[in-house]
Structure formats: C-alpha cells, structure tokens
Amino acid sequence: MSSTLDELCTLAQRELGAEALNDKVETPFAELGLDSLGLVDFMFTVEDHFHVNIEHDRALQNPTLAGLAALVDELLAAKAPPLAAAA
C-alpha cells in the first residue's frame, strides 16, 4: 500500500469516525457512508493535508480511497520540480 493511501486511510478514519479502512480501499465512498456533501468536506481535508487542488469530477471518476490516492499521487508528481539534467 502506498504512503499516500495509508495517509488517506488515516484521514478517512479520523474524519468519518470509521474503523480501519485499509481493507476497504476499493470500496466506493457511498458504501463507506459518504454522501455528496461529506465527500466534498473530505476532499477539502485531503487538499489541505496534501497541499493539492482536486477537481471534484476527477475524484468521482474512481470514487474510492485507492482511486483518490492515485489522483493525489498524480497531482503531487505534477507539482514536483523537474530533476536536474545530468551534465
């Protein structure tokens, strides 16, 4: 499990008051008890935690913790400075 996914599971547990979610990373958010308003609130928490801007529509393309982790990883990689070219 990726570091991002581990962090998302921890955030979700804290924010949703849920028990361990590590075995539910492919479970849709709706089945985890998140309605649309709850999902928006959770996205704000994730954005603040990772310092990224998540487009709601992109997050809903794969509405699971694993899908969100992949999206956050993609956004973080896009923010990372390019590696210096070898001389």
PDB file of N, CA and C in Angstrom:
ATOM      1  N   MET A   1       0.857  -1.175   0.000  1.00  0.00           N
ATOM      2  CA  MET A   1       0.000   0.000   0.000  1.00  0.00           C
ATOM      3  C   MET A   1       0.900   1.234   0.000  1.00  0.00           C
ATOM      4  N   SER A   2       0.543   2.198  -0.810  1.00  0.00           N
ATOM      5  CA  SER A   2       1.358   3.409  -0.922  1.00  0.00           C
ATOM      6  C   SER A   2       1.242   4.271   0.327  1.00  0.00           C
ATOM      7  N   SER A   3       2.224   5.108   0.507  1.00  0.00           N
ATOM      8  CA  SER A   3       2.226   6.045   1.624  1.00  0.00           C
ATOM      9  C   SER A   3       1.001   6.960   1.556  1.00  0.00           C
ATOM     10  N   THR A   4       0.690   7.424   0.347  1.00  0.00           N
ATOM     11  CA  THR A   4      -0.471   8.301   0.167  1.00  0.00           C
ATOM     12  C   THR A   4      -1.743   7.580   0.579  1.00  0.00           C
ATOM     13  N   LEU A   5      -1.885   6.340   0.160  1.00  0.00           N
ATOM     14  CA  LEU A   5      -3.080   5.570   0.508  1.00  0.00           C
ATOM     15  C   LEU A   5      -3.164   5.342   2.011  1.00  0.00           C
ATOM     16  N   ASP A   6      -2.042   5.061   2.644  1.00  0.00           N
ATOM     17  CA  ASP A   6      -2.030   4.917   4.108  1.00  0.00           C
ATOM     18  C   ASP A   6      -2.500   6.202   4.778  1.00  0.00           C
ATOM     19  N   GLU A   7      -1.986   7.342   4.310  1.00  0.00           N
ATOM     20  CA  GLU A   7      -2.377   8.625   4.888  1.00  0.00           C
ATOM     21  C   GLU A   7      -3.863   8.901   4.667  1.00  0.00           C
ATOM     22  N   LEU A   8      -4.371   8.565   3.480  1.00  0.00           N
ATOM     23  CA  LEU A   8      -5.797   8.766   3.196  1.00  0.00           C
ATOM     24  C   LEU A   8      -6.661   7.895   4.100  1.00  0.00           C
ATOM     25  N   CYS A   9      -6.244   6.666   4.332  1.00  0.00           N
ATOM     26  CA  CYS A   9      -6.996   5.785   5.230  1.00  0.00           C
ATOM     27  C   CYS A   9      -7.050   6.386   6.633  1.00  0.00           C
ATOM     28  N   THR A  10      -5.929   6.906   7.097  1.00  0.00           N
ATOM     29  CA  THR A  10      -5.871   7.526   8.420  1.00  0.00           C
ATOM     30  C   THR A  10      -6.767   8.761   8.475  1.00  0.00           C
ATOM     31  N   LEU A  11      -6.690   9.602   7.432  1.00  0.00           N
ATOM     32  CA  LEU A  11      -7.550  10.793   7.379  1.00  0.00           C
ATOM     33  C   LEU A  11      -9.019  10.403   7.381  1.00  0.00           C
ATOM     34  N   ALA A  12      -9.376   9.414   6.567  1.00  0.00           N
ATOM     35  CA  ALA A  12     -10.767   8.988   6.459  1.00  0.00           C
ATOM     36  C   ALA A  12     -11.261   8.422   7.786  1.00  0.00           C
ATOM     37  N   GLN A  13     -10.429   7.637   8.444  1.00  0.00           N
ATOM     38  CA  GLN A  13     -10.814   7.093   9.744  1.00  0.00           C
ATOM     39  C   GLN A  13     -11.105   8.212  10.731  1.00  0.00           C
ATOM     40  N   ARG A  14     -10.231   9.211  10.748  1.00  0.00           N
ATOM     41  CA  ARG A  14     -10.408  10.332  11.681  1.00  0.00           C
ATOM     42  C   ARG A  14     -11.625  11.168  11.300  1.00  0.00           C
ATOM     43  N   GLU A  15     -11.755  11.509  10.019  1.00  0.00           N
ATOM     44  CA  GLU A  15     -12.828  12.402   9.566  1.00  0.00           C
ATOM     45  C   GLU A  15     -14.199  11.735   9.578  1.00  0.00           C
ATOM     46  N   LEU A  16     -14.231  10.447   9.269  1.00  0.00           N
ATOM     47  CA  LEU A  16     -15.508   9.745   9.159  1.00  0.00           C
ATOM     48  C   LEU A  16     -15.871   8.990  10.426  1.00  0.00           C
ATOM     49  N   GLY A  17     -14.934   8.947  11.360  1.00  0.00           N
ATOM     50  CA  GLY A  17     -15.186   8.188  12.570  1.00  0.00           C
ATOM     51  C   GLY A  17     -15.301   6.705  12.269  1.00  0.00           C
ATOM     52  N   ALA A  18     -14.672   6.261  11.200  1.00  0.00           N
ATOM     53  CA  ALA A  18     -14.757   4.866  10.774  1.00  0.00           C
ATOM     54  C   ALA A  18     -13.655   4.049  11.425  1.00  0.00           C
ATOM     55  N   GLU A  19     -13.880   2.758  11.418  1.00  0.00           N
ATOM     56  CA  GLU A  19     -12.842   1.856  11.888  1.00  0.00           C
ATOM     57  C   GLU A  19     -11.819   1.702  10.777  1.00  0.00           C
ATOM     58  N   ALA A  20     -10.854   0.823  10.967  1.00  0.00           N
ATOM     59  CA  ALA A  20      -9.781   0.617   9.993  1.00  0.00           C
ATOM     60  C   ALA A  20     -10.362   0.447   8.583  1.00  0.00           C
ATOM     61  N   LEU A  21      -9.810   1.212   7.657  1.00  0.00           N
ATOM     62  CA  LEU A  21     -10.297   1.182   6.273  1.00  0.00           C
ATOM     63  C   LEU A  21      -9.295   0.555   5.314  1.00  0.00           C
ATOM     64  N   ASN A  22      -8.178   0.075   5.823  1.00  0.00           N
ATOM     65  CA  ASN A  22      -7.135  -0.456   4.947  1.00  0.00           C
ATOM     66  C   ASN A  22      -7.630  -1.603   4.081  1.00  0.00           C
ATOM     67  N   ASP A  23      -8.639  -2.337   4.527  1.00  0.00           N
ATOM     68  CA  ASP A  23      -9.172  -3.434   3.733  1.00  0.00           C
ATOM     69  C   ASP A  23     -10.357  -3.002   2.869  1.00  0.00           C
ATOM     70  N   LYS A  24     -10.654  -1.704   2.863  1.00  0.00           N
ATOM     71  CA  LYS A  24     -11.789  -1.188   2.095  1.00  0.00           C
ATOM     72  C   LYS A  24     -11.368  -0.120   1.102  1.00  0.00           C
ATOM     73  N   VAL A  25     -10.123  -0.170   0.642  1.00  0.00           N
ATOM     74  CA  VAL A  25      -9.603   0.892  -0.222  1.00  0.00           C
ATOM     75  C   VAL A  25     -10.245   0.898  -1.601  1.00  0.00           C
ATOM     76  N   GLU A  26     -10.882  -0.206  -2.003  1.00  0.00           N
ATOM     77  CA  GLU A  26     -11.569  -0.270  -3.297  1.00  0.00           C
ATOM     78  C   GLU A  26     -13.081  -0.114  -3.146  1.00  0.00           C
ATOM     79  N   THR A  27     -13.535   0.157  -1.935  1.00  0.00           N
ATOM     80  CA  THR A  27     -14.965   0.329  -1.673  1.00  0.00           C
ATOM     81  C   THR A  27     -15.380   1.746  -2.050  1.00  0.00           C
ATOM     82  N   PRO A  28     -16.447   1.895  -2.858  1.00  0.00           N
ATOM     83  CA  PRO A  28     -16.898   3.246  -3.214  1.00  0.00           C
ATOM     84  C   PRO A  28     -17.220   4.089  -1.979  1.00  0.00           C
ATOM     85  N   PHE A  29     -16.962   5.382  -2.092  1.00  0.00           N
ATOM     86  CA  PHE A  29     -17.204   6.294  -0.973  1.00  0.00           C
ATOM     87  C   PHE A  29     -18.637   6.194  -0.459  1.00  0.00           C
ATOM     88  N   ALA A  30     -19.603   6.049  -1.356  1.00  0.00           N
ATOM     89  CA  ALA A  30     -21.006   5.977  -0.939  1.00  0.00           C
ATOM     90  C   ALA A  30     -21.229   4.786   0.001  1.00  0.00           C
ATOM     91  N   GLU A  31     -20.541   3.672  -0.261  1.00  0.00           N
ATOM     92  CA  GLU A  31     -20.684   2.495   0.598  1.00  0.00           C
ATOM     93  C   GLU A  31     -19.957   2.673   1.933  1.00  0.00           C
ATOM     94  N   LEU A  32     -19.053   3.632   1.986  1.00  0.00           N
ATOM     95  CA  LEU A  32     -18.374   3.951   3.246  1.00  0.00           C
ATOM     96  C   LEU A  32     -19.196   4.936   4.078  1.00  0.00           C
ATOM     97  N   GLY A  33     -20.334   5.376   3.535  1.00  0.00           N
ATOM     98  CA  GLY A  33     -21.207   6.288   4.265  1.00  0.00           C
ATOM     99  C   GLY A  33     -21.035   7.749   3.913  1.00  0.00           C
ATOM    100  N   LEU A  34     -20.267   8.036   2.846  1.00  0.00           N
ATOM    101  CA  LEU A  34     -20.063   9.432   2.440  1.00  0.00           C
ATOM    102  C   LEU A  34     -21.115   9.849   1.425  1.00  0.00           C
ATOM    103  N   ASP A  35     -21.936  10.829   1.780  1.00  0.00           N
ATOM    104  CA  ASP A  35     -22.840  11.409   0.803  1.00  0.00           C
ATOM    105  C   ASP A  35     -22.084  12.499   0.052  1.00  0.00           C
ATOM    106  N   SER A  36     -22.740  13.173  -0.876  1.00  0.00           N
ATOM    107  CA  SER A  36     -22.030  14.152  -1.709  1.00  0.00           C
ATOM    108  C   SER A  36     -21.448  15.294  -0.874  1.00  0.00           C
ATOM    109  N   LEU A  37     -22.164  15.760   0.128  1.00  0.00           N
ATOM    110  CA  LEU A  37     -21.651  16.836   0.989  1.00  0.00           C
ATOM    111  C   LEU A  37     -20.471  16.338   1.825  1.00  0.00           C
ATOM    112  N   GLY A  38     -20.592  15.143   2.355  1.00  0.00           N
ATOM    113  CA  GLY A  38     -19.495  14.558   3.124  1.00  0.00           C
ATOM    114  C   GLY A  38     -18.256  14.361   2.282  1.00  0.00           C
ATOM    115  N   LEU A  39     -18.459  13.981   1.011  1.00  0.00           N
ATOM    116  CA  LEU A  39     -17.331  13.789   0.111  1.00  0.00           C
ATOM    117  C   LEU A  39     -16.630  15.112  -0.167  1.00  0.00           C
ATOM    118  N   VAL A  40     -17.402  16.174  -0.373  1.00  0.00           N
ATOM    119  CA  VAL A  40     -16.808  17.498  -0.599  1.00  0.00           C
ATOM    120  C   VAL A  40     -15.992  17.919   0.623  1.00  0.00           C
ATOM    121  N   ASP A  41     -16.537  17.731   1.800  1.00  0.00           N
ATOM    122  CA  ASP A  41     -15.806  18.064   3.029  1.00  0.00           C
ATOM    123  C   ASP A  41     -14.521  17.247   3.142  1.00  0.00           C
ATOM    124  N   PHE A  42     -14.609  15.949   2.812  1.00  0.00           N
ATOM    125  CA  PHE A  42     -13.433  15.097   2.879  1.00  0.00           C
ATOM    126  C   PHE A  42     -12.385  15.547   1.865  1.00  0.00           C
ATOM    127  N   MET A  43     -12.825  15.954   0.667  1.00  0.00           N
ATOM    128  CA  MET A  43     -11.893  16.430  -0.363  1.00  0.00           C
ATOM    129  C   MET A  43     -11.146  17.677   0.130  1.00  0.00           C
ATOM    130  N   PHE A  44     -11.849  18.580   0.820  1.00  0.00           N
ATOM    131  CA  PHE A  44     -11.182  19.769   1.373  1.00  0.00           C
ATOM    132  C   PHE A  44     -10.110  19.355   2.380  1.00  0.00           C
ATOM    133  N   THR A  45     -10.422  18.376   3.200  1.00  0.00           N
ATOM    134  CA  THR A  45      -9.449  17.874   4.176  1.00  0.00           C
ATOM    135  C   THR A  45      -8.229  17.298   3.468  1.00  0.00           C
ATOM    136  N   VAL A  46      -8.471  16.514   2.417  1.00  0.00           N
ATOM    137  CA  VAL A  46      -7.377  15.902   1.653  1.00  0.00           C
ATOM    138  C   VAL A  46      -6.542  16.979   0.969  1.00  0.00           C
ATOM    139  N   GLU A  47      -7.219  17.975   0.382  1.00  0.00           N
ATOM    140  CA  GLU A  47      -6.497  19.069  -0.277  1.00  0.00           C
ATOM    141  C   GLU A  47      -5.597  19.801   0.720  1.00  0.00           C
ATOM    142  N   ASP A  48      -6.121  20.094   1.889  1.00  0.00           N
ATOM    143  CA  ASP A  48      -5.332  20.788   2.913  1.00  0.00           C
ATOM    144  C   ASP A  48      -4.153  19.936   3.378  1.00  0.00           C
ATOM    145  N   HIS A  49      -4.385  18.661   3.544  1.00  0.00           N
ATOM    146  CA  HIS A  49      -3.339  17.765   4.037  1.00  0.00           C
ATOM    147  C   HIS A  49      -2.188  17.617   3.037  1.00  0.00           C
ATOM    148  N   PHE A  50      -2.531  17.449   1.762  1.00  0.00           N
ATOM    149  CA  PHE A  50      -1.512  17.202   0.740  1.00  0.00           C
ATOM    150  C   PHE A  50      -1.110  18.454  -0.044  1.00  0.00           C
ATOM    151  N   HIS A  51      -1.779  19.571   0.207  1.00  0.00           N
ATOM    152  CA  HIS A  51      -1.493  20.831  -0.480  1.00  0.00           C
ATOM    153  C   HIS A  51      -1.654  20.679  -1.996  1.00  0.00           C
ATOM    154  N   VAL A  52      -2.807  20.120  -2.390  1.00  0.00           N
ATOM    155  CA  VAL A  52      -3.138  19.967  -3.807  1.00  0.00           C
ATOM    156  C   VAL A  52      -4.546  20.501  -4.032  1.00  0.00           C
ATOM    157  N   ASN A  53      -4.895  20.699  -5.300  1.00  0.00           N
ATOM    158  CA  ASN A  53      -6.233  21.124  -5.677  1.00  0.00           C
ATOM    159  C   ASN A  53      -6.877  19.991  -6.456  1.00  0.00           C
ATOM    160  N   ILE A  54      -7.904  19.385  -5.895  1.00  0.00           N
ATOM    161  CA  ILE A  54      -8.554  18.229  -6.504  1.00  0.00           C
ATOM    162  C   ILE A  54      -9.819  18.673  -7.224  1.00  0.00           C
ATOM    163  N   GLU A  55      -9.902  18.351  -8.505  1.00  0.00           N
ATOM    164  CA  GLU A  55     -11.129  18.613  -9.256  1.00  0.00           C
ATOM    165  C   GLU A  55     -12.144  17.534  -8.872  1.00  0.00           C
ATOM    166  N   HIS A  56     -13.305  17.976  -8.414  1.00  0.00           N
ATOM    167  CA  HIS A  56     -14.334  17.063  -7.924  1.00  0.00           C
ATOM    168  C   HIS A  56     -14.684  16.006  -8.977  1.00  0.00           C
ATOM    169  N   ASP A  57     -14.825  16.435 -10.236  1.00  0.00           N
ATOM    170  CA  ASP A  57     -15.189  15.499 -11.303  1.00  0.00           C
ATOM    171  C   ASP A  57     -14.139  14.413 -11.488  1.00  0.00           C
ATOM    172  N   ARG A  58     -12.867  14.783 -11.372  1.00  0.00           N
ATOM    173  CA  ARG A  58     -11.793  13.779 -11.499  1.00  0.00           C
ATOM    174  C   ARG A  58     -11.824  12.813 -10.333  1.00  0.00           C
ATOM    175  N   ALA A  59     -12.107  13.305  -9.153  1.00  0.00           N
ATOM    176  CA  ALA A  59     -12.168  12.436  -7.980  1.00  0.00           C
ATOM    177  C   ALA A  59     -13.304  11.425  -8.109  1.00  0.00           C
ATOM    178  N   LEU A  60     -14.368  11.819  -8.764  1.00  0.00           N
ATOM    179  CA  LEU A  60     -15.526  10.929  -8.910  1.00  0.00           C
ATOM    180  C   LEU A  60     -15.346   9.903 -10.023  1.00  0.00           C
ATOM    181  N   GLN A  61     -14.299  10.024 -10.829  1.00  0.00           N
ATOM    182  CA  GLN A  61     -14.054   9.025 -11.863  1.00  0.00           C
ATOM    183  C   GLN A  61     -13.710   7.670 -11.259  1.00  0.00           C
ATOM    184  N   ASN A  62     -13.083   7.654 -10.118  1.00  0.00           N
ATOM    185  CA  ASN A  62     -12.768   6.427  -9.388  1.00  0.00           C
ATOM    186  C   ASN A  62     -12.977   6.735  -7.909  1.00  0.00           C
ATOM    187  N   PRO A  63     -14.248   6.757  -7.462  1.00  0.00           N
ATOM    188  CA  PRO A  63     -14.574   7.240  -6.117  1.00  0.00           C
ATOM    189  C   PRO A  63     -14.290   6.236  -5.007  1.00  0.00           C
ATOM    190  N   THR A  64     -13.014   5.907  -4.854  1.00  0.00           N
ATOM    191  CA  THR A  64     -12.562   5.024  -3.787  1.00  0.00           C
ATOM    192  C   THR A  64     -11.313   5.638  -3.165  1.00  0.00           C
ATOM    193  N   LEU A  65     -10.910   5.141  -2.022  1.00  0.00           N
ATOM    194  CA  LEU A  65      -9.677   5.630  -1.412  1.00  0.00           C
ATOM    195  C   LEU A  65      -8.479   5.327  -2.305  1.00  0.00           C
ATOM    196  N   ALA A  66      -8.467   4.172  -2.934  1.00  0.00           N
ATOM    197  CA  ALA A  66      -7.364   3.822  -3.838  1.00  0.00           C
ATOM    198  C   ALA A  66      -7.343   4.753  -5.045  1.00  0.00           C
ATOM    199  N   GLY A  67      -8.508   5.054  -5.600  1.00  0.00           N
ATOM    200  CA  GLY A  67      -8.583   5.965  -6.737  1.00  0.00           C
ATOM    201  C   GLY A  67      -8.155   7.368  -6.360  1.00  0.00           C
ATOM    202  N   LEU A  68      -8.567   7.815  -5.191  1.00  0.00           N
ATOM    203  CA  LEU A  68      -8.188   9.143  -4.723  1.00  0.00           C
ATOM    204  C   LEU A  68      -6.680   9.207  -4.454  1.00  0.00           C
ATOM    205  N   ALA A  69      -6.124   8.136  -3.908  1.00  0.00           N
ATOM    206  CA  ALA A  69      -4.675   8.097  -3.664  1.00  0.00           C
ATOM    207  C   ALA A  69      -3.906   8.212  -4.973  1.00  0.00           C
ATOM    208  N   ALA A  70      -4.373   7.519  -6.008  1.00  0.00           N
ATOM    209  CA  ALA A  70      -3.709   7.590  -7.315  1.00  0.00           C
ATOM    210  C   ALA A  70      -3.782   9.008  -7.868  1.00  0.00           C
ATOM    211  N   LEU A  71      -4.940   9.666  -7.698  1.00  0.00           N
ATOM    212  CA  LEU A  71      -5.102  11.037  -8.174  1.00  0.00           C
ATOM    213  C   LEU A  71      -4.193  11.990  -7.392  1.00  0.00           C
ATOM    214  N   VAL A  72      -4.136  11.842  -6.082  1.00  0.00           N
ATOM    215  CA  VAL A  72      -3.272  12.699  -5.263  1.00  0.00           C
ATOM    216  C   VAL A  72      -1.812  12.491  -5.660  1.00  0.00           C
ATOM    217  N   ASP A  73      -1.407  11.236  -5.860  1.00  0.00           N
ATOM    218  CA  ASP A  73      -0.025  10.962  -6.289  1.00  0.00           C
ATOM    219  C   ASP A  73       0.271  11.644  -7.619  1.00  0.00           C
ATOM    220  N   GLU A  74      -0.691  11.603  -8.530  1.00  0.00           N
ATOM    221  CA  GLU A  74      -0.526  12.257  -9.843  1.00  0.00           C
ATOM    222  C   GLU A  74      -0.374  13.767  -9.673  1.00  0.00           C
ATOM    223  N   LEU A  75      -1.199  14.359  -8.827  1.00  0.00           N
ATOM    224  CA  LEU A  75      -1.136  15.806  -8.596  1.00  0.00           C
ATOM    225  C   LEU A  75       0.169  16.205  -7.920  1.00  0.00           C
ATOM    226  N   LEU A  76       0.622  15.391  -6.981  1.00  0.00           N
ATOM    227  CA  LEU A  76       1.891  15.680  -6.308  1.00  0.00           C
ATOM    228  C   LEU A  76       3.069  15.565  -7.285  1.00  0.00           C
ATOM    229  N   ALA A  77       3.021  14.580  -8.157  1.00  0.00           N
ATOM    230  CA  ALA A  77       4.097  14.404  -9.135  1.00  0.00           C
ATOM    231  C   ALA A  77       4.137  15.588 -10.092  1.00  0.00           C
ATOM    232  N   ALA A  78       2.968  16.133 -10.450  1.00  0.00           N
ATOM    233  CA  ALA A  78       2.917  17.271 -11.362  1.00  0.00           C
ATOM    234  C   ALA A  78       3.478  18.538 -10.683  1.00  0.00           C
ATOM    235  N   LYS A  79       3.389  18.608  -9.354  1.00  0.00           N
ATOM    236  CA  LYS A  79       3.907  19.761  -8.624  1.00  0.00           C
ATOM    237  C   LYS A  79       5.398  19.675  -8.362  1.00  0.00           C
ATOM    238  N   ALA A  80       5.941  18.473  -8.418  1.00  0.00           N
ATOM    239  CA  ALA A  80       7.350  18.276  -8.067  1.00  0.00           C
ATOM    240  C   ALA A  80       8.236  18.971  -9.096  1.00  0.00           C
ATOM    241  N   PRO A  81       9.306  19.612  -8.639  1.00  0.00           N
ATOM    242  CA  PRO A  81      10.214  20.260  -9.579  1.00  0.00           C
ATOM    243  C   PRO A  81      10.906  19.194 -10.426  1.00  0.00           C
ATOM    244  N   PRO A  82      11.155  19.509 -11.692  1.00  0.00           N
ATOM    245  CA  PRO A  82      11.838  18.520 -12.542  1.00  0.00           C
ATOM    246  C   PRO A  82      13.254  18.257 -12.033  1.00  0.00           C
ATOM    247  N   LEU A  83      13.691  17.026 -12.220  1.00  0.00           N
ATOM    248  CA  LEU A  83      15.051  16.684 -11.814  1.00  0.00           C
ATOM    249  C   LEU A  83      16.038  17.377 -12.729  1.00  0.00           C
ATOM    250  N   ALA A  84      17.133  17.819 -12.172  1.00  0.00           N
ATOM    251  CA  ALA A  84      18.172  18.490 -12.965  1.00  0.00           C
ATOM    252  C   ALA A  84      18.774  17.488 -13.957  1.00  0.00           C
ATOM    253  N   ALA A  85      18.969  17.922 -15.153  1.00  0.00           N
ATOM    254  CA  ALA A  85      19.552  17.051 -16.177  1.00  0.00           C
ATOM    255  C   ALA A  85      21.016  16.782 -15.854  1.00  0.00           C
ATOM    256  N   ALA A  86      21.414  15.565 -16.091  1.00  0.00           N
ATOM    257  CA  ALA A  86      22.812  15.202 -15.846  1.00  0.00           C
ATOM    258  C   ALA A  86      23.709  15.921 -16.859  1.00  0.00           C
ATOM    259  N   ALA A  87      24.844  16.381 -16.406  1.00  0.00           N
ATOM    260  CA  ALA A  87      25.753  17.141 -17.300  1.00  0.00           C
ATOM    261  C   ALA A  87      26.588  16.206 -18.130  1.00  0.00           C
TER     262      ALA A  87
END
